[in-house]
Amino acid sequence: MELAVPIFLLLIILVGVTLFLRRQRPSRADQLKQTIREGDGTAAEDFDVVAPRPDVVEMHVVGDEAQVRFSVPLPEEPDEILIELLVGEAVEVVREKRHTLPMDGVTAVVALSGSAEAPVVVGRASLETPGQLPPPTTATSMLNLSHLAADPVERSFLDQSFDKEAEPEMHVETVSRVPEDALEPVGAFLKLPRAIDTGLRAQGIDPGSMTSGQLVTGMLALVGYQVQPTVGDGTWTATKAGATTYVREDPYTAGDHPEIDVDELRRYLFEFQQSKADRGLFVSDKYGPFEVYDLERREPRIRVVSRERLQKFVDALALS
């Protein structure tokens, strides 16, 4: 009886300490955020990543072929990586739909792109036994670069040189262009690693004519972000490891002033605060005015990825 009371008190103390430590321990999402902030290249592998998939336009069986047509802009020169990716994806699309297809006499799965009037054969996979698909591949998706690349959002917030990459006076002459001197597409001056070029095409984005918003959201999808359009035009939410980034695109059309309108930045600041997101990216085909630096100082959770910063954002992936 004399030992019962001390033992009971000890048990109470142990339970209390355990509960306290659990409350103090950071959540899994917080741990992942911290790991990514510290630049650990393996962080992206610690949580499930759903890689983007090429958009399927149509699929049907013609003769002894199961044909899958994708909405994918093809490069001028054949891209073996893109061909392999689309053929593999075509096999998986057929696998998902095989119960509704006449597969008995099928001897090949064919991946196509282009319009219905002028389809282009990208590649084909021959079947050893008619109607029987090869087993699913266990290889990492070529549209998942999270195991190879640093997170460009994290890098843009952590890398101090991102803010100093282009001082306003560096492009004063360009900004003062007359309205009829239209800005060229961003893809005309950006240097894209092959993996990013292929990954963008596989998502239906043409690097030659893309906007800055398509570039950034496409890149975020490649490194594990779940990108979803919002009810607003040209806005998205990008979520990864429990953190949300609110993205707005500021497009450029011929005749526009080549510099971001300061009022647009102010409207975005209000939108971001209303969104309750963890971070924000204002992405523009245009050049950034001096007010960009004031905005980022006042609200450090926002980054403006203007025209002169796009290459820095691309380089932030730091592909191995």
Foldseek 3Di string as FASTA:
>chain_A
DVVPVVVVVVVVVVVVVVVVVVVVDDDQLVVLVVCLLVPDLCSLVVDDFDFDFFAWPDWADDQQETETETLFDADPDQDPVLLVQQQLVQLVVCVVVVVVYPQQRHFKYWYWYDDPVDIDTSDMDGDPHGSDGDDRDPDDRLLACSNFWRQLLSCCLPPPCLVVVDDVVNCPVVLPDDLQPDDAALLVPADADPSLCSQLRRHNAHSRHHHQLSSVVSVLSSNRWDWDADPDPQWIWTDDSHAIEIEHEDEDDRRDRQEDDVVVVVVVVVVVVVVPGQAYEYEYAGDYDPCQVVSCVVPVRYHYCYSSSSNVSSCNGVGD
